[in-house]
Amino acid sequence: MSDSDPNFVVYSIGANGPVFPDEKLPSLPPIPHGSVVVIEGRREPAWRYSMALNRLHGSAAFAVAIFDIQLGAVVVKSHNPAYHEGQVFDFQLPA
């Protein structure tokens, strides 16, 4: 894996209906060491993304990004100097 071509892991936090703060997040997917985890969830509230980011703290990921349909994957947290907050990857969700 090179810094310009990271291994992306998608963490989908979407729910099928209204979601409340006491509703548990889905289990984390397998996260290989050095991956960039992309959190995605259509129309999910901001606090749910924050909960997912908190859950990923201490994982094997080098960085965590949020999926933005217009931009791609936007890095919001990094534990590796190869990635920085605000960095954007040209990324599309798998079909």
PDB file of N, CA and C in Angstrom:
ATOM      1  N   MET A   1       0.850  -1.185   0.000  1.00  0.00           N
ATOM      2  CA  MET A   1       0.000   0.000   0.000  1.00  0.00           C
ATOM      3  C   MET A   1       0.880   1.227   0.000  1.00  0.00           C
ATOM      4  N   SER A   2       0.644   2.119  -0.925  1.00  0.00           N
ATOM      5  CA  SER A   2       1.374   3.376  -0.936  1.00  0.00           C
ATOM      6  C   SER A   2       0.496   4.453  -0.321  1.00  0.00           C
ATOM      7  N   ASP A   3       1.120   5.576   0.052  1.00  0.00           N
ATOM      8  CA  ASP A   3       0.362   6.662   0.662  1.00  0.00           C
ATOM      9  C   ASP A   3      -0.662   7.243  -0.304  1.00  0.00           C
ATOM     10  N   SER A   4      -0.365   7.188  -1.616  1.00  0.00           N
ATOM     11  CA  SER A   4      -1.285   7.764  -2.590  1.00  0.00           C
ATOM     12  C   SER A   4      -2.425   6.806  -2.932  1.00  0.00           C
ATOM     13  N   ASP A   5      -2.300   5.550  -2.567  1.00  0.00           N
ATOM     14  CA  ASP A   5      -3.315   4.550  -2.875  1.00  0.00           C
ATOM     15  C   ASP A   5      -3.613   3.722  -1.625  1.00  0.00           C
ATOM     16  N   PRO A   6      -4.291   4.337  -0.649  1.00  0.00           N
ATOM     17  CA  PRO A   6      -4.532   3.615   0.609  1.00  0.00           C
ATOM     18  C   PRO A   6      -5.551   2.495   0.446  1.00  0.00           C
ATOM     19  N   ASN A   7      -5.545   1.605   1.415  1.00  0.00           N
ATOM     20  CA  ASN A   7      -6.548   0.559   1.502  1.00  0.00           C
ATOM     21  C   ASN A   7      -7.761   1.160   2.211  1.00  0.00           C
ATOM     22  N   PHE A   8      -8.874   1.314   1.503  1.00  0.00           N
ATOM     23  CA  PHE A   8     -10.078   1.883   2.088  1.00  0.00           C
ATOM     24  C   PHE A   8     -10.959   0.785   2.678  1.00  0.00           C
ATOM     25  N   VAL A   9     -11.498   1.062   3.854  1.00  0.00           N
ATOM     26  CA  VAL A   9     -12.480   0.191   4.502  1.00  0.00           C
ATOM     27  C   VAL A   9     -13.707   1.050   4.758  1.00  0.00           C
ATOM     28  N   VAL A  10     -14.871   0.600   4.308  1.00  0.00           N
ATOM     29  CA  VAL A  10     -16.105   1.369   4.497  1.00  0.00           C
ATOM     30  C   VAL A  10     -16.798   0.906   5.776  1.00  0.00           C
ATOM     31  N   TYR A  11     -17.147   1.883   6.618  1.00  0.00           N
ATOM     32  CA  TYR A  11     -17.932   1.627   7.826  1.00  0.00           C
ATOM     33  C   TYR A  11     -19.278   2.314   7.625  1.00  0.00           C
ATOM     34  N   SER A  12     -20.291   1.525   7.321  1.00  0.00           N
ATOM     35  CA  SER A  12     -21.611   2.058   7.032  1.00  0.00           C
ATOM     36  C   SER A  12     -22.421   2.148   8.316  1.00  0.00           C
ATOM     37  N   ILE A  13     -22.858   3.363   8.659  1.00  0.00           N
ATOM     38  CA  ILE A  13     -23.617   3.576   9.895  1.00  0.00           C
ATOM     39  C   ILE A  13     -25.081   3.891   9.607  1.00  0.00           C
ATOM     40  N   GLY A  14     -25.503   3.743   8.361  1.00  0.00           N
ATOM     41  CA  GLY A  14     -26.868   4.070   7.965  1.00  0.00           C
ATOM     42  C   GLY A  14     -27.900   3.199   8.653  1.00  0.00           C
ATOM     43  N   ALA A  15     -29.056   3.775   8.868  1.00  0.00           N
ATOM     44  CA  ALA A  15     -30.188   3.058   9.465  1.00  0.00           C
ATOM     45  C   ALA A  15     -31.349   3.116   8.476  1.00  0.00           C
ATOM     46  N   ASN A  16     -32.290   2.208   8.619  1.00  0.00           N
ATOM     47  CA  ASN A  16     -33.424   2.147   7.699  1.00  0.00           C
ATOM     48  C   ASN A  16     -34.543   3.122   8.033  1.00  0.00           C
ATOM     49  N   GLY A  17     -34.472   3.747   9.177  1.00  0.00           N
ATOM     50  CA  GLY A  17     -35.515   4.677   9.573  1.00  0.00           C
ATOM     51  C   GLY A  17     -34.955   5.696  10.537  1.00  0.00           C
ATOM     52  N   PRO A  18     -35.820   6.381  11.261  1.00  0.00           N
ATOM     53  CA  PRO A  18     -35.338   7.353  12.239  1.00  0.00           C
ATOM     54  C   PRO A  18     -34.399   6.684  13.241  1.00  0.00           C
ATOM     55  N   VAL A  19     -33.396   7.429  13.662  1.00  0.00           N
ATOM     56  CA  VAL A  19     -32.404   6.886  14.584  1.00  0.00           C
ATOM     57  C   VAL A  19     -32.343   7.779  15.824  1.00  0.00           C
ATOM     58  N   PHE A  20     -32.158   7.147  16.973  1.00  0.00           N
ATOM     59  CA  PHE A  20     -32.097   7.867  18.240  1.00  0.00           C
ATOM     60  C   PHE A  20     -30.750   7.600  18.898  1.00  0.00           C
ATOM     61  N   PRO A  21     -30.300   8.493  19.780  1.00  0.00           N
ATOM     62  CA  PRO A  21     -28.957   8.366  20.371  1.00  0.00           C
ATOM     63  C   PRO A  21     -28.689   7.056  21.098  1.00  0.00           C
ATOM     64  N   ASP A  22     -29.713   6.398  21.601  1.00  0.00           N
ATOM     65  CA  ASP A  22     -29.474   5.149  22.325  1.00  0.00           C
ATOM     66  C   ASP A  22     -29.382   3.928  21.395  1.00  0.00           C
ATOM     67  N   GLU A  23     -29.599   4.139  20.089  1.00  0.00           N
ATOM     68  CA  GLU A  23     -29.488   3.035  19.139  1.00  0.00           C
ATOM     69  C   GLU A  23     -28.019   2.729  18.871  1.00  0.00           C
ATOM     70  N   LYS A  24     -27.654   1.469  18.987  1.00  0.00           N
ATOM     71  CA  LYS A  24     -26.263   1.061  18.822  1.00  0.00           C
ATOM     72  C   LYS A  24     -25.812   1.191  17.371  1.00  0.00           C
ATOM     73  N   LEU A  25     -24.538   1.507  17.221  1.00  0.00           N
ATOM     74  CA  LEU A  25     -23.924   1.527  15.898  1.00  0.00           C
ATOM     75  C   LEU A  25     -23.696   0.097  15.417  1.00  0.00           C
ATOM     76  N   PRO A  26     -23.612  -0.093  14.102  1.00  0.00           N
ATOM     77  CA  PRO A  26     -23.259  -1.428  13.602  1.00  0.00           C
ATOM     78  C   PRO A  26     -21.856  -1.812  14.076  1.00  0.00           C
ATOM     79  N   SER A  27     -21.571  -3.089  14.069  1.00  0.00           N
ATOM     80  CA  SER A  27     -20.235  -3.566  14.425  1.00  0.00           C
ATOM     81  C   SER A  27     -19.221  -3.032  13.425  1.00  0.00           C
ATOM     82  N   LEU A  28     -17.996  -2.860  13.914  1.00  0.00           N
ATOM     83  CA  LEU A  28     -16.929  -2.413  13.015  1.00  0.00           C
ATOM     84  C   LEU A  28     -16.578  -3.517  12.029  1.00  0.00           C
ATOM     85  N   PRO A  29     -16.254  -3.136  10.794  1.00  0.00           N
ATOM     86  CA  PRO A  29     -15.768  -4.140   9.845  1.00  0.00           C
ATOM     87  C   PRO A  29     -14.317  -4.493  10.193  1.00  0.00           C
ATOM     88  N   PRO A  30     -13.775  -5.554   9.629  1.00  0.00           N
ATOM     89  CA  PRO A  30     -12.350  -5.821   9.823  1.00  0.00           C
ATOM     90  C   PRO A  30     -11.527  -4.637   9.290  1.00  0.00           C
ATOM     91  N   ILE A  31     -10.559  -4.192  10.078  1.00  0.00           N
ATOM     92  CA  ILE A  31      -9.748  -3.025   9.704  1.00  0.00           C
ATOM     93  C   ILE A  31      -8.285  -3.437   9.682  1.00  0.00           C
ATOM     94  N   PRO A  32      -7.734  -3.697   8.494  1.00  0.00           N
ATOM     95  CA  PRO A  32      -6.315  -4.028   8.417  1.00  0.00           C
ATOM     96  C   PRO A  32      -5.452  -2.836   8.853  1.00  0.00           C
ATOM     97  N   HIS A  33      -4.315  -3.124   9.460  1.00  0.00           N
ATOM     98  CA  HIS A  33      -3.385  -2.088   9.905  1.00  0.00           C
ATOM     99  C   HIS A  33      -3.035  -1.175   8.731  1.00  0.00           C
ATOM    100  N   GLY A  34      -3.142   0.120   8.961  1.00  0.00           N
ATOM    101  CA  GLY A  34      -2.766   1.098   7.956  1.00  0.00           C
ATOM    102  C   GLY A  34      -3.878   1.526   7.025  1.00  0.00           C
ATOM    103  N   SER A  35      -5.085   1.040   7.231  1.00  0.00           N
ATOM    104  CA  SER A  35      -6.212   1.385   6.360  1.00  0.00           C
ATOM    105  C   SER A  35      -6.699   2.807   6.607  1.00  0.00           C
ATOM    106  N   VAL A  36      -7.472   3.298   5.640  1.00  0.00           N
ATOM    107  CA  VAL A  36      -8.242   4.525   5.811  1.00  0.00           C
ATOM    108  C   VAL A  36      -9.698   4.083   5.901  1.00  0.00           C
ATOM    109  N   VAL A  37     -10.317   4.311   7.048  1.00  0.00           N
ATOM    110  CA  VAL A  37     -11.722   3.940   7.232  1.00  0.00           C
ATOM    111  C   VAL A  37     -12.593   5.100   6.773  1.00  0.00           C
ATOM    112  N   VAL A  38     -13.544   4.805   5.902  1.00  0.00           N
ATOM    113  CA  VAL A  38     -14.476   5.807   5.391  1.00  0.00           C
ATOM    114  C   VAL A  38     -15.838   5.541   6.028  1.00  0.00           C
ATOM    115  N   ILE A  39     -16.289   6.486   6.844  1.00  0.00           N
ATOM    116  CA  ILE A  39     -17.607   6.376   7.477  1.00  0.00           C
ATOM    117  C   ILE A  39     -18.641   6.928   6.502  1.00  0.00           C
ATOM    118  N   GLU A  40     -19.704   6.158   6.299  1.00  0.00           N
ATOM    119  CA  GLU A  40     -20.777   6.643   5.433  1.00  0.00           C
ATOM    120  C   GLU A  40     -22.120   6.264   6.030  1.00  0.00           C
ATOM    121  N   GLY A  41     -23.090   7.113   5.767  1.00  0.00           N
ATOM    122  CA  GLY A  41     -24.449   6.859   6.221  1.00  0.00           C
ATOM    123  C   GLY A  41     -25.354   7.949   5.690  1.00  0.00           C
ATOM    124  N   ARG A  42     -26.201   7.592   4.791  1.00  0.00           N
ATOM    125  CA  ARG A  42     -27.072   8.596   4.177  1.00  0.00           C
ATOM    126  C   ARG A  42     -28.018   9.201   5.206  1.00  0.00           C
ATOM    127  N   ARG A  43     -28.059  10.521   5.192  1.00  0.00           N
ATOM    128  CA  ARG A  43     -28.992  11.291   6.031  1.00  0.00           C
ATOM    129  C   ARG A  43     -28.882  10.982   7.520  1.00  0.00           C
ATOM    130  N   GLU A  44     -27.722  10.559   7.961  1.00  0.00           N
ATOM    131  CA  GLU A  44     -27.542  10.306   9.392  1.00  0.00           C
ATOM    132  C   GLU A  44     -27.204  11.626  10.096  1.00  0.00           C
ATOM    133  N   PRO A  45     -27.632  11.793  11.340  1.00  0.00           N
ATOM    134  CA  PRO A  45     -27.331  13.018  12.075  1.00  0.00           C
ATOM    135  C   PRO A  45     -25.838  13.106  12.411  1.00  0.00           C
ATOM    136  N   ALA A  46     -25.370  14.332  12.585  1.00  0.00           N
ATOM    137  CA  ALA A  46     -23.946  14.584  12.862  1.00  0.00           C
ATOM    138  C   ALA A  46     -23.475  13.840  14.102  1.00  0.00           C
ATOM    139  N   TRP A  47     -24.318  13.742  15.131  1.00  0.00           N
ATOM    140  CA  TRP A  47     -23.880  13.076  16.360  1.00  0.00           C
ATOM    141  C   TRP A  47     -23.603  11.601  16.120  1.00  0.00           C
ATOM    142  N   ARG A  48     -24.275  10.979  15.155  1.00  0.00           N
ATOM    143  CA  ARG A  48     -24.016   9.561  14.874  1.00  0.00           C
ATOM    144  C   ARG A  48     -22.637   9.378  14.232  1.00  0.00           C
ATOM    145  N   TYR A  49     -22.241  10.321  13.372  1.00  0.00           N
ATOM    146  CA  TYR A  49     -20.893  10.292  12.803  1.00  0.00           C
ATOM    147  C   TYR A  49     -19.855  10.460  13.911  1.00  0.00           C
ATOM    148  N   SER A  50     -20.130  11.341  14.858  1.00  0.00           N
ATOM    149  CA  SER A  50     -19.196  11.549  15.980  1.00  0.00           C
ATOM    150  C   SER A  50     -19.068  10.290  16.818  1.00  0.00           C
ATOM    151  N   MET A  51     -20.170   9.601  17.034  1.00  0.00           N
ATOM    152  CA  MET A  51     -20.123   8.346  17.784  1.00  0.00           C
ATOM    153  C   MET A  51     -19.275   7.312  17.041  1.00  0.00           C
ATOM    154  N   ALA A  52     -19.420   7.245  15.719  1.00  0.00           N
ATOM    155  CA  ALA A  52     -18.645   6.292  14.917  1.00  0.00           C
ATOM    156  C   ALA A  52     -17.159   6.648  14.963  1.00  0.00           C
ATOM    157  N   LEU A  53     -16.833   7.930  14.863  1.00  0.00           N
ATOM    158  CA  LEU A  53     -15.433   8.362  14.944  1.00  0.00           C
ATOM    159  C   LEU A  53     -14.837   7.983  16.290  1.00  0.00           C
ATOM    160  N   ASN A  54     -15.581   8.176  17.356  1.00  0.00           N
ATOM    161  CA  ASN A  54     -15.119   7.807  18.685  1.00  0.00           C
ATOM    162  C   ASN A  54     -14.883   6.301  18.792  1.00  0.00           C
ATOM    163  N   ARG A  55     -15.758   5.518  18.206  1.00  0.00           N
ATOM    164  CA  ARG A  55     -15.618   4.061  18.229  1.00  0.00           C
ATOM    165  C   ARG A  55     -14.347   3.611  17.506  1.00  0.00           C
ATOM    166  N   LEU A  56     -13.950   4.339  16.473  1.00  0.00           N
ATOM    167  CA  LEU A  56     -12.767   3.978  15.679  1.00  0.00           C
ATOM    168  C   LEU A  56     -11.455   4.378  16.350  1.00  0.00           C
ATOM    169  N   HIS A  57     -11.526   5.200  17.397  1.00  0.00           N
ATOM    170  CA  HIS A  57     -10.305   5.607  18.098  1.00  0.00           C
ATOM    171  C   HIS A  57      -9.600   4.365  18.635  1.00  0.00           C
ATOM    172  N   GLY A  58      -8.333   4.265  18.359  1.00  0.00           N
ATOM    173  CA  GLY A  58      -7.565   3.118  18.826  1.00  0.00           C
ATOM    174  C   GLY A  58      -7.607   1.918  17.890  1.00  0.00           C
ATOM    175  N   SER A  59      -8.282   2.055  16.747  1.00  0.00           N
ATOM    176  CA  SER A  59      -8.321   0.949  15.785  1.00  0.00           C
ATOM    177  C   SER A  59      -7.000   0.898  15.019  1.00  0.00           C
ATOM    178  N   ALA A  60      -6.879  -0.062  14.138  1.00  0.00           N
ATOM    179  CA  ALA A  60      -5.662  -0.223  13.333  1.00  0.00           C
ATOM    180  C   ALA A  60      -5.590   0.753  12.161  1.00  0.00           C
ATOM    181  N   ALA A  61      -6.615   1.578  12.008  1.00  0.00           N
ATOM    182  CA  ALA A  61      -6.643   2.533  10.896  1.00  0.00           C
ATOM    183  C   ALA A  61      -5.593   3.626  11.073  1.00  0.00           C
ATOM    184  N   PHE A  62      -4.993   4.038   9.967  1.00  0.00           N
ATOM    185  CA  PHE A  62      -4.082   5.182   9.987  1.00  0.00           C
ATOM    186  C   PHE A  62      -4.862   6.482   9.928  1.00  0.00           C
ATOM    187  N   ALA A  63      -6.068   6.446   9.336  1.00  0.00           N
ATOM    188  CA  ALA A  63      -6.872   7.659   9.208  1.00  0.00           C
ATOM    189  C   ALA A  63      -8.347   7.280   9.112  1.00  0.00           C
ATOM    190  N   VAL A  64      -9.192   8.258   9.460  1.00  0.00           N
ATOM    191  CA  VAL A  64     -10.639   8.108   9.342  1.00  0.00           C
ATOM    192  C   VAL A  64     -11.139   9.251   8.474  1.00  0.00           C
ATOM    193  N   ALA A  65     -12.011   8.912   7.533  1.00  0.00           N
ATOM    194  CA  ALA A  65     -12.583   9.906   6.633  1.00  0.00           C
ATOM    195  C   ALA A  65     -14.098   9.787   6.663  1.00  0.00           C
ATOM    196  N   ILE A  66     -14.756  10.851   6.250  1.00  0.00           N
ATOM    197  CA  ILE A  66     -16.208  10.865   6.109  1.00  0.00           C
ATOM    198  C   ILE A  66     -16.512  10.930   4.617  1.00  0.00           C
ATOM    199  N   PHE A  67     -17.465  10.113   4.168  1.00  0.00           N
ATOM    200  CA  PHE A  67     -17.835  10.140   2.755  1.00  0.00           C
ATOM    201  C   PHE A  67     -18.726  11.337   2.475  1.00  0.00           C
ATOM    202  N   ASP A  68     -18.366  12.080   1.437  1.00  0.00           N
ATOM    203  CA  ASP A  68     -19.153  13.203   0.946  1.00  0.00           C
ATOM    204  C   ASP A  68     -19.443  12.926  -0.520  1.00  0.00           C
ATOM    205  N   ILE A  69     -20.706  12.885  -0.888  1.00  0.00           N
ATOM    206  CA  ILE A  69     -21.082  12.492  -2.242  1.00  0.00           C
ATOM    207  C   ILE A  69     -20.474  13.409  -3.305  1.00  0.00           C
ATOM    208  N   GLN A  70     -20.230  14.675  -2.973  1.00  0.00           N
ATOM    209  CA  GLN A  70     -19.678  15.611  -3.946  1.00  0.00           C
ATOM    210  C   GLN A  70     -18.153  15.615  -3.967  1.00  0.00           C
ATOM    211  N   LEU A  71     -17.513  15.305  -2.848  1.00  0.00           N
ATOM    212  CA  LEU A  71     -16.061  15.405  -2.763  1.00  0.00           C
ATOM    213  C   LEU A  71     -15.351  14.060  -2.803  1.00  0.00           C
ATOM    214  N   GLY A  72     -15.900  13.075  -2.146  1.00  0.00           N
ATOM    215  CA  GLY A  72     -15.234  11.785  -1.986  1.00  0.00           C
ATOM    216  C   GLY A  72     -15.041  11.505  -0.512  1.00  0.00           C
ATOM    217  N   ALA A  73     -13.861  11.033  -0.126  1.00  0.00           N
ATOM    218  CA  ALA A  73     -13.560  10.722   1.279  1.00  0.00           C
ATOM    219  C   ALA A  73     -12.712  11.853   1.853  1.00  0.00           C
ATOM    220  N   VAL A  74     -13.228  12.521   2.883  1.00  0.00           N
ATOM    221  CA  VAL A  74     -12.550  13.657   3.502  1.00  0.00           C
ATOM    222  C   VAL A  74     -11.988  13.216   4.849  1.00  0.00           C
ATOM    223  N   VAL A  75     -10.678  13.299   5.004  1.00  0.00           N
ATOM    224  CA  VAL A  75     -10.025  12.864   6.246  1.00  0.00           C
ATOM    225  C   VAL A  75     -10.406  13.814   7.386  1.00  0.00           C
ATOM    226  N   VAL A  76     -10.864  13.231   8.506  1.00  0.00           N
ATOM    227  CA  VAL A  76     -11.218  14.013   9.688  1.00  0.00           C
ATOM    228  C   VAL A  76     -10.327  13.695  10.882  1.00  0.00           C
ATOM    229  N   LYS A  77      -9.576  12.588  10.802  1.00  0.00           N
ATOM    230  CA  LYS A  77      -8.674  12.195  11.888  1.00  0.00           C
ATOM    231  C   LYS A  77      -7.554  11.357  11.297  1.00  0.00           C
ATOM    232  N   SER A  78      -6.320  11.635  11.745  1.00  0.00           N
ATOM    233  CA  SER A  78      -5.188  10.887  11.236  1.00  0.00           C
ATOM    234  C   SER A  78      -4.217  10.556  12.357  1.00  0.00           C
ATOM    235  N   HIS A  79      -3.624   9.375  12.265  1.00  0.00           N
ATOM    236  CA  HIS A  79      -2.572   8.951  13.182  1.00  0.00           C
ATOM    237  C   HIS A  79      -1.301   8.636  12.401  1.00  0.00           C
ATOM    238  N   ASN A  80      -1.210   9.206  11.207  1.00  0.00           N
ATOM    239  CA  ASN A  80      -0.065   8.967  10.340  1.00  0.00           C
ATOM    240  C   ASN A  80       0.226  10.240   9.560  1.00  0.00           C
ATOM    241  N   PRO A  81       1.483  10.679   9.498  1.00  0.00           N
ATOM    242  CA  PRO A  81       1.798  11.931   8.809  1.00  0.00           C
ATOM    243  C   PRO A  81       1.522  11.900   7.306  1.00  0.00           C
ATOM    244  N   ALA A  82       1.300  10.732   6.743  1.00  0.00           N
ATOM    245  CA  ALA A  82       0.981  10.647   5.312  1.00  0.00           C
ATOM    246  C   ALA A  82      -0.421  11.179   5.012  1.00  0.00           C
ATOM    247  N   TYR A  83      -1.258  11.276   6.046  1.00  0.00           N
ATOM    248  CA  TYR A  83      -2.629  11.746   5.886  1.00  0.00           C
ATOM    249  C   TYR A  83      -2.852  12.941   6.799  1.00  0.00           C
ATOM    250  N   HIS A  84      -3.646  13.905   6.327  1.00  0.00           N
ATOM    251  CA  HIS A  84      -3.904  15.086   7.146  1.00  0.00           C
ATOM    252  C   HIS A  84      -5.379  15.453   7.096  1.00  0.00           C
ATOM    253  N   GLU A  85      -5.845  16.086   8.158  1.00  0.00           N
ATOM    254  CA  GLU A  85      -7.241  16.514   8.227  1.00  0.00           C
ATOM    255  C   GLU A  85      -7.541  17.444   7.057  1.00  0.00           C
ATOM    256  N   GLY A  86      -8.642  17.197   6.395  1.00  0.00           N
ATOM    257  CA  GLY A  86      -9.040  17.982   5.236  1.00  0.00           C
ATOM    258  C   GLY A  86      -8.570  17.392   3.913  1.00  0.00           C
ATOM    259  N   GLN A  87      -7.714  16.387   3.970  1.00  0.00           N
ATOM    260  CA  GLN A  87      -7.260  15.733   2.743  1.00  0.00           C
ATOM    261  C   GLN A  87      -8.452  15.021   2.100  1.00  0.00           C
ATOM    262  N   VAL A  88      -8.569  15.138   0.790  1.00  0.00           N
ATOM    263  CA  VAL A  88      -9.699  14.545   0.075  1.00  0.00           C
ATOM    264  C   VAL A  88      -9.183  13.465  -0.877  1.00  0.00           C
ATOM    265  N   PHE A  89      -9.802  12.289  -0.803  1.00  0.00           N
ATOM    266  CA  PHE A  89      -9.494  11.195  -1.721  1.00  0.00           C
ATOM    267  C   PHE A  89     -10.646  11.068  -2.720  1.00  0.00           C
ATOM    268  N   ASP A  90     -10.298  10.867  -3.976  1.00  0.00           N
ATOM    269  CA  ASP A  90     -11.301  10.582  -5.000  1.00  0.00           C
ATOM    270  C   ASP A  90     -11.810   9.172  -4.718  1.00  0.00           C
ATOM    271  N   PHE A  91     -12.967   9.080  -4.108  1.00  0.00           N
ATOM    272  CA  PHE A  91     -13.484   7.804  -3.614  1.00  0.00           C
ATOM    273  C   PHE A  91     -14.979   7.733  -3.882  1.00  0.00           C
ATOM    274  N   GLN A  92     -15.415   6.601  -4.375  1.00  0.00           N
ATOM    275  CA  GLN A  92     -16.847   6.336  -4.554  1.00  0.00           C
ATOM    276  C   GLN A  92     -17.206   5.081  -3.768  1.00  0.00           C
ATOM    277  N   LEU A  93     -18.384   5.062  -3.198  1.00  0.00           N
ATOM    278  CA  LEU A  93     -18.831   3.883  -2.463  1.00  0.00           C
ATOM    279  C   LEU A  93     -19.025   2.714  -3.418  1.00  0.00           C
ATOM    280  N   PRO A  94     -18.704   1.513  -2.952  1.00  0.00           N
ATOM    281  CA  PRO A  94     -18.963   0.338  -3.792  1.00  0.00           C
ATOM    282  C   PRO A  94     -20.465   0.220  -4.102  1.00  0.00           C
ATOM    283  N   ALA A  95     -20.785  -0.284  -5.256  1.00  0.00           N
ATOM    284  CA  ALA A  95     -22.184  -0.404  -5.670  1.00  0.00           C
ATOM    285  C   ALA A  95     -22.958  -1.380  -4.802  1.00  0.00           C
TER     286      ALA A  95
END
